[in-house]
Amino acid sequence: MIETTALLGIAAAELGMVLTPGPNMMYLVSRSVSQGRRAGLVSLSGVAVGFMVYLAAATAGITAIFATVPGLYLAVKLAGAGYLAYLAWKTLRGGISAFEPSMLPPDPTRKLFTMGLVTNLLNPKIAIIYMALIPQFVNPEHGRVWLQSLLLGSVQISIALIVNGMIVLGAAAVATFLTGRPLWLRAQRWITGTLLGTIAVLLATDRSRPLPA
């Protein structure tokens, strides 16, 4: 049986991470603003499948591989940090806010779903949750490890989808509010870029290792 503290710990950690700008949020917002709520929700369905892939991998004990081969985990972590650093640089230097309307070509439903899936699979924040965070809340003395991983992962997915769904539904309204307010857009861009850069540095310098699930 999973302890209440473990459920609350995962819920709090996921809430903090999902509210921090990252690849998922930037993609969902850009599609919702440029192509409408339906496009954002289709993209979100791809993101949801990406969560399922991570959950299946965690349940199967994929974190044990990273615990056994630290070099592989380090490579994945540094690649994720580099990706976030690139997004931070692009946000700060490109002068584009995630909520600023842009003339993006409309994508078909299949591409929206696929890009949502790929963006989530390459999201280092999600990888860290399943490789290093969830295993820390799993206690072998409380029952089957795979079942605990499944339940904790389900809590993470539920919170992520609820929050991201609200972001998709509200992205257009936020973009409308920011239109004509260049200072607000600039502040949002710099805040997003700074947060992404900070996360990249913390991820690259973090010395923790994944625990076998």
Protein backbone atom coordinates (compact mmCIF):
# COMPACT_ATOMS: atom_id res chain seq x y z
CA MET A 1 0.00 0.00 0.00
CA ILE A 2 1.34 3.42 -0.93
CA GLU A 3 1.74 5.92 1.87
CA THR A 4 -0.18 9.19 1.73
CA THR A 5 3.09 11.11 2.01
CA ALA A 6 4.34 9.45 -1.18
CA LEU A 7 1.19 10.42 -3.09
CA LEU A 8 1.37 13.99 -1.80
CA GLY A 9 5.07 14.18 -2.58
CA ILE A 10 4.59 13.12 -6.19
CA ALA A 11 1.58 15.44 -6.56
CA ALA A 12 3.49 18.45 -5.21
CA ALA A 13 6.58 17.73 -7.32
CA GLU A 14 4.55 17.29 -10.50
CA LEU A 15 2.50 20.43 -9.87
CA GLY A 16 5.67 22.45 -9.50
CA MET A 17 7.22 20.98 -12.64
CA VAL A 18 4.15 21.25 -14.86
CA LEU A 19 3.75 24.92 -13.95
CA THR A 20 7.37 25.60 -14.91
CA PRO A 21 7.72 26.46 -18.62
CA GLY A 22 9.18 23.62 -20.62
CA PRO A 23 8.94 21.92 -24.03
CA ASN A 24 5.43 20.57 -23.45
CA MET A 25 3.98 23.89 -22.35
CA MET A 26 5.67 25.84 -25.13
CA TYR A 27 4.43 23.46 -27.83
CA LEU A 28 0.87 23.26 -26.49
CA VAL A 29 0.61 27.03 -26.10
CA SER A 30 2.03 27.75 -29.55
CA ARG A 31 -0.41 25.38 -31.22
CA SER A 32 -3.40 26.57 -29.19
CA VAL A 33 -2.68 30.22 -29.97
CA SER A 34 -1.92 29.75 -33.66
CA GLN A 35 -4.40 27.02 -34.56
CA GLY A 36 -7.09 27.01 -31.87
CA ARG A 37 -8.16 24.94 -28.88
CA ARG A 38 -8.89 21.82 -30.91
CA ALA A 39 -5.31 21.72 -32.17
CA GLY A 40 -4.05 22.21 -28.63
CA LEU A 41 -6.19 19.36 -27.32
CA VAL A 42 -5.10 17.03 -30.13
CA SER A 43 -1.49 17.88 -29.31
CA LEU A 44 -2.25 17.22 -25.65
CA SER A 45 -3.51 13.73 -26.55
CA GLY A 46 -0.09 13.03 -28.06
CA VAL A 47 1.53 14.29 -24.87
CA ALA A 48 -0.72 11.94 -22.89
CA VAL A 49 0.46 8.94 -24.89
CA GLY A 50 4.04 10.03 -24.22
CA PHE A 51 3.29 9.89 -20.50
CA MET A 52 1.92 6.38 -20.95
CA VAL A 53 5.15 5.30 -22.65
CA TYR A 54 7.22 6.60 -19.74
CA LEU A 55 4.86 4.98 -17.26
CA ALA A 56 5.09 1.62 -19.03
CA ALA A 57 8.89 1.88 -19.04
CA ALA A 58 8.99 2.78 -15.34
CA THR A 59 6.63 -0.06 -14.47
CA ALA A 60 8.84 -2.48 -16.40
CA GLY A 61 11.82 -1.39 -14.32
CA ILE A 62 13.69 0.69 -16.91
CA THR A 63 15.18 2.81 -14.11
CA ALA A 64 17.15 -0.25 -13.01
CA ILE A 65 19.07 -0.02 -16.29
CA PHE A 66 20.09 3.57 -15.61
CA ALA A 67 21.03 2.66 -12.04
CA THR A 68 23.23 -0.15 -13.36
CA VAL A 69 24.76 1.95 -16.16
CA PRO A 70 25.37 5.43 -14.66
CA GLY A 71 27.09 6.63 -17.83
CA LEU A 72 23.93 6.11 -19.85
CA TYR A 73 21.87 8.05 -17.32
CA LEU A 74 24.46 10.86 -17.33
CA ALA A 75 24.32 11.05 -21.13
CA VAL A 76 20.52 11.28 -21.14
CA LYS A 77 20.57 13.92 -18.40
CA LEU A 78 23.16 16.09 -20.15
CA ALA A 79 21.29 15.79 -23.43
CA GLY A 80 18.14 16.99 -21.70
CA ALA A 81 20.01 19.87 -20.06
CA GLY A 82 21.42 20.87 -23.44
CA TYR A 83 17.96 20.81 -24.99
CA LEU A 84 16.57 23.07 -22.26
CA ALA A 85 19.55 25.42 -22.63
CA TYR A 86 18.85 25.65 -26.35
CA LEU A 87 15.19 26.49 -25.69
CA ALA A 88 16.27 29.14 -23.18
CA TRP A 89 18.69 30.73 -25.67
CA LYS A 90 16.09 30.62 -28.43
CA THR A 91 13.49 32.25 -26.18
CA LEU A 92 15.80 35.02 -24.97
CA ARG A 93 17.48 35.76 -28.30
CA GLY A 94 14.56 35.11 -30.59
CA GLY A 95 12.36 37.75 -29.00
CA ILE A 96 9.26 35.57 -29.23
CA SER A 97 6.91 34.87 -26.35
CA ALA A 98 5.13 31.53 -26.09
CA PHE A 99 1.85 33.47 -25.91
CA GLU A 100 2.60 35.81 -28.79
CA PRO A 101 0.43 35.04 -31.83
CA SER A 102 2.52 33.87 -34.76
CA MET A 103 1.79 32.84 -38.33
CA LEU A 104 2.47 29.13 -38.00
CA PRO A 105 1.19 26.95 -40.83
CA PRO A 106 -1.74 24.78 -39.68
CA ASP A 107 -0.79 21.17 -39.08
CA PRO A 108 -3.05 18.19 -39.77
CA THR A 109 -4.42 16.16 -36.87
CA ARG A 110 -1.91 13.34 -37.29
CA LYS A 111 1.06 15.71 -37.17
CA LEU A 112 -0.33 17.55 -34.14
CA PHE A 113 -0.66 14.25 -32.28
CA THR A 114 2.77 13.02 -33.37
CA MET A 115 4.54 16.24 -32.43
CA GLY A 116 2.86 16.24 -29.03
CA LEU A 117 4.07 12.67 -28.50
CA VAL A 118 7.63 13.36 -29.66
CA THR A 119 7.90 16.59 -27.69
CA ASN A 120 6.94 14.76 -24.51
CA LEU A 121 9.23 11.79 -25.14
CA LEU A 122 12.16 14.21 -25.56
CA ASN A 123 11.16 16.30 -22.53
CA PRO A 124 13.99 15.95 -19.97
CA LYS A 125 11.71 17.04 -17.11
CA ILE A 126 9.46 14.02 -17.66
CA ALA A 127 12.44 11.69 -18.01
CA ILE A 128 13.79 12.87 -14.66
CA ILE A 129 10.41 12.30 -12.97
CA TYR A 130 10.31 8.67 -14.02
CA MET A 131 14.02 7.89 -13.79
CA ALA A 132 14.87 9.54 -10.49
CA LEU A 133 11.85 10.96 -8.68
CA ILE A 134 9.15 8.28 -8.66
CA PRO A 135 11.54 5.46 -7.61
CA GLN A 136 12.39 7.44 -4.47
CA PHE A 137 8.76 7.15 -3.32
CA VAL A 138 8.56 3.41 -3.97
CA ASN A 139 8.98 1.21 -0.89
CA PRO A 140 9.48 -2.53 -1.56
CA GLU A 141 8.12 -3.27 1.92
CA HIS A 142 4.72 -1.86 0.94
CA GLY A 143 3.92 -4.33 -1.82
CA ARG A 144 4.70 -4.91 -5.47
CA VAL A 145 7.14 -2.35 -6.84
CA TRP A 146 5.58 -2.28 -10.31
CA LEU A 147 2.14 -1.58 -8.87
CA GLN A 148 3.43 1.28 -6.74
CA SER A 149 5.19 2.74 -9.77
CA LEU A 150 1.98 2.44 -11.77
CA LEU A 151 -0.13 4.22 -9.15
CA LEU A 152 2.39 7.01 -8.54
CA GLY A 153 2.81 7.50 -12.27
CA SER A 154 -0.96 7.71 -12.67
CA VAL A 155 -1.04 10.54 -10.13
CA GLN A 156 1.63 12.39 -12.11
CA ILE A 157 -0.20 11.91 -15.39
CA SER A 158 -3.55 13.04 -13.98
CA ILE A 159 -2.12 16.29 -12.63
CA ALA A 160 -0.11 16.95 -15.80
CA LEU A 161 -3.12 16.47 -18.09
CA ILE A 162 -5.44 18.60 -15.94
CA VAL A 163 -3.00 21.51 -15.72
CA ASN A 164 -1.95 21.29 -19.37
CA GLY A 165 -5.60 21.07 -20.40
CA MET A 166 -6.33 24.29 -18.53
CA ILE A 167 -3.31 25.91 -20.22
CA VAL A 168 -4.60 24.87 -23.65
CA LEU A 169 -8.09 26.21 -22.96
CA GLY A 170 -6.79 29.49 -21.58
CA ALA A 171 -3.87 30.11 -23.98
CA ALA A 172 -5.93 32.10 -26.48
CA ALA A 173 -7.37 34.33 -23.75
CA VAL A 174 -3.90 35.03 -22.35
CA ALA A 175 -2.57 35.78 -25.84
CA THR A 176 -5.44 38.23 -26.44
CA PHE A 177 -4.69 39.97 -23.15
CA LEU A 178 -1.00 40.29 -23.98
CA THR A 179 -1.61 41.57 -27.51
CA GLY A 180 -0.78 45.25 -27.61
CA ARG A 181 1.18 45.02 -24.35
CA PRO A 182 4.81 44.66 -25.53
CA LEU A 183 6.26 45.12 -22.04
CA TRP A 184 4.16 42.22 -20.72
CA LEU A 185 5.23 40.04 -23.64
CA ARG A 186 8.87 40.93 -23.11
CA ALA A 187 8.63 40.15 -19.39
CA GLN A 188 6.95 36.81 -20.09
CA ARG A 189 9.69 35.95 -22.60
CA TRP A 190 12.50 36.80 -20.22
CA ILE A 191 10.90 34.97 -17.30
CA THR A 192 10.39 31.88 -19.44
CA GLY A 193 13.93 31.98 -20.83
CA THR A 194 15.45 32.50 -17.38
CA LEU A 195 13.50 29.62 -15.87
CA LEU A 196 14.47 27.29 -18.71
CA GLY A 197 18.12 28.27 -18.34
CA THR A 198 18.02 27.77 -14.57
CA ILE A 199 16.48 24.32 -14.94
CA ALA A 200 19.15 23.42 -17.51
CA VAL A 201 21.95 24.41 -15.13
CA LEU A 202 20.39 22.56 -12.18
CA LEU A 203 19.87 19.48 -14.31
CA ALA A 204 23.43 19.51 -15.64
CA THR A 205 24.99 19.98 -12.18
CA ASP A 206 22.71 17.58 -10.30
CA ARG A 207 24.69 14.59 -9.04
CA SER A 208 21.78 12.39 -8.01
CA ARG A 209 21.43 8.98 -9.60
CA PRO A 210 18.31 7.03 -10.47
CA LEU A 211 17.23 4.48 -7.91
CA PRO A 212 16.25 0.99 -9.09
CA ALA A 213 12.47 0.58 -9.02
